[in-house]
Protein backbone atom coordinates (compact mmCIF):
# COMPACT_ATOMS: atom_id res chain seq x y z
CA MET A 1 17.10 10.41 -33.99
CA LEU A 2 19.15 12.31 -31.43
CA ALA A 3 15.99 13.23 -29.50
CA PHE A 4 14.98 9.55 -29.39
CA LEU A 5 18.44 8.54 -28.16
CA LEU A 6 18.40 11.20 -25.41
CA ALA A 7 14.90 10.12 -24.32
CA TYR A 8 16.04 6.47 -24.20
CA VAL A 9 19.12 7.31 -22.12
CA GLY A 10 16.94 9.36 -19.75
CA MET A 11 14.58 6.40 -19.29
CA CYS A 12 17.52 4.11 -18.54
CA PHE A 13 18.81 6.45 -15.83
CA ALA A 14 15.32 6.77 -14.36
CA ALA A 15 14.94 2.98 -14.29
CA CYS A 16 18.34 2.58 -12.61
CA SER A 17 17.40 5.17 -10.02
CA GLU A 18 14.12 3.39 -9.28
CA ASP A 19 15.92 0.05 -8.93
CA ALA A 20 18.48 1.63 -6.60
CA ASP A 21 15.70 2.98 -4.36
CA LEU A 22 13.81 -0.34 -4.28
CA PRO A 23 15.79 -2.01 -1.44
CA MET A 24 15.28 1.09 0.72
CA ILE A 25 11.53 1.09 -0.02
CA LYS A 26 11.27 -2.62 0.78
CA GLU A 27 13.21 -2.14 4.01
CA ASN A 28 11.23 0.95 5.08
CA ILE A 29 7.84 -0.65 4.45
CA GLN A 30 8.53 -3.67 6.65
CA GLY A 31 6.95 -3.67 10.10
CA THR A 32 3.51 -2.99 11.55
CA TRP A 33 1.31 -0.18 10.24
CA TYR A 34 -1.91 1.04 11.86
CA MET A 35 -4.62 2.41 9.57
CA VAL A 36 -5.76 5.87 10.70
CA ASN A 37 -7.96 6.97 7.77
CA GLU A 38 -9.47 5.61 4.61
CA VAL A 39 -10.96 7.82 1.93
CA SER A 40 -13.01 5.97 -0.70
CA PHE A 41 -14.19 7.64 -3.87
CA ASP A 42 -16.08 6.66 -6.99
CA ALA A 43 -14.96 8.45 -10.15
CA GLU A 44 -18.31 7.92 -11.88
CA THR A 45 -20.59 9.20 -9.10
CA THR A 46 -18.00 11.48 -7.44
CA GLU A 47 -19.15 10.13 -4.07
CA THR A 48 -16.53 10.30 -1.33
CA GLU A 49 -16.59 8.46 1.97
CA ARG A 50 -14.13 8.94 4.84
CA GLU A 51 -13.61 6.52 7.71
CA THR A 52 -11.40 7.06 10.74
CA PHE A 53 -9.78 4.14 12.54
CA LYS A 54 -8.48 3.78 16.09
CA ARG A 55 -5.16 2.24 17.05
CA GLU A 56 -6.74 -0.25 19.47
CA GLY A 57 -10.27 -1.51 20.09
CA GLU A 58 -13.29 -1.45 17.79
CA LEU A 59 -12.61 0.05 14.35
CA ALA A 60 -8.90 -0.73 14.59
CA MET A 61 -6.91 -2.24 11.74
CA ARG A 62 -3.22 -3.06 11.44
CA PHE A 63 -1.06 -4.38 8.65
CA THR A 64 2.28 -6.16 9.17
CA LEU A 65 4.80 -6.74 6.37
CA ARG A 66 7.72 -9.08 7.08
CA SER A 67 11.11 -9.34 5.36
CA ASN A 68 10.33 -12.87 4.09
CA GLY A 69 7.43 -11.62 1.93
CA SER A 70 4.66 -12.69 4.29
CA CYS A 71 2.11 -10.27 5.70
CA MET A 72 -0.81 -10.13 8.10
CA THR A 73 -3.87 -7.89 8.06
CA GLU A 74 -5.72 -7.73 11.36
CA GLU A 75 -9.10 -6.16 12.08
CA PHE A 76 -10.40 -5.70 15.62
CA TYR A 77 -14.00 -6.79 16.11
CA ASP A 78 -15.97 -9.00 18.52
CA GLY A 79 -13.47 -8.05 21.23
CA GLN A 80 -10.38 -9.50 19.54
CA TRP A 81 -7.91 -9.13 16.67
CA ASN A 82 -8.94 -11.21 13.66
CA PRO A 83 -5.97 -11.98 11.38
CA THR A 84 -5.80 -12.72 7.66
CA ALA A 85 -2.44 -14.06 6.46
CA GLY A 86 -1.03 -13.37 3.02
CA THR A 87 2.06 -12.56 1.01
CA TYR A 88 3.25 -9.38 -0.67
CA GLN A 89 5.47 -8.37 -3.56
CA MET A 90 6.84 -4.99 -4.52
CA THR A 91 7.86 -3.67 -7.91
CA GLY A 92 8.92 -0.04 -7.77
CA ASN A 93 6.13 1.74 -5.93
CA GLN A 94 3.59 -1.02 -6.71
CA LEU A 95 2.52 -3.16 -3.75
CA VAL A 96 0.59 -6.38 -4.44
CA VAL A 97 -0.84 -8.19 -1.42
CA THR A 98 -2.24 -11.68 -2.05
CA TYR A 99 -4.65 -13.48 0.27
CA SER A 100 -6.39 -16.84 -0.18
CA LYS A 101 -9.50 -15.03 -1.51
CA GLY A 102 -7.81 -12.59 -3.90
CA SER A 103 -5.32 -9.77 -4.05
CA ASP A 104 -5.02 -6.01 -3.57
CA ASN A 105 -2.96 -3.92 -5.98
CA SER A 106 -1.82 -0.61 -4.53
CA VAL A 107 0.40 2.30 -5.47
CA ILE A 108 2.59 3.63 -2.67
CA GLU A 109 2.10 7.39 -2.72
CA THR A 110 4.00 8.26 0.47
CA LEU A 111 6.45 6.24 2.54
CA THR A 112 8.44 7.65 5.44
CA ASP A 113 9.66 6.02 8.63
CA ARG A 114 6.31 6.89 10.31
CA ARG A 115 3.78 7.34 7.48
CA LEU A 116 2.45 5.20 4.64
CA VAL A 117 -0.19 6.24 2.10
CA VAL A 118 -1.42 3.81 -0.56
CA LEU A 119 -3.95 4.18 -3.37
CA THR A 120 -5.91 1.00 -4.14
CA ARG A 121 -8.36 0.21 -6.93
CA GLU A 122 -11.22 -1.78 -5.37
CA LYS A 123 -12.98 -4.71 -7.02
CA ASP A 124 -16.13 -2.59 -7.56
CA GLY A 125 -14.12 -0.03 -9.56
CA SER A 126 -13.93 2.60 -6.82
CA TRP A 127 -10.66 3.86 -5.35
CA SER A 128 -9.45 3.95 -1.75
CA ARG A 129 -6.64 6.01 -0.31
CA ARG A 130 -5.45 4.48 2.97
CA PHE A 131 -3.37 6.34 5.53
CA TYR A 132 -1.21 4.37 7.98
CA THR A 133 1.13 5.24 10.83
CA ARG A 134 3.54 3.16 12.93
């Protein structure tokens, strides 16, 4: 019984710590992020694919998160930025971005003032790790 009680108390402290960090995570993630790399992998076939992105021009992608919960993903093609508006929610290190045609569920693996790394399960069952910079 004592072991159970100690485990429960430990979980409560861990949950409090996560909640205390949440405002800082939400604040730090806001702003514009430029994708620099994406590594896609399929657990069943063990195939891995890496794509490198530029900051401007063809093969550029940026992601803006605002304090009001709105967001914008923009891809550069046909000589211009092409935006897709959405909203986002955060729970701990979980980031859910919702667009009119669906949503992306990601786990934030790394977040600093200049670097963001998220792991996303794709609709086809594969995984993508996306690397962003400011």
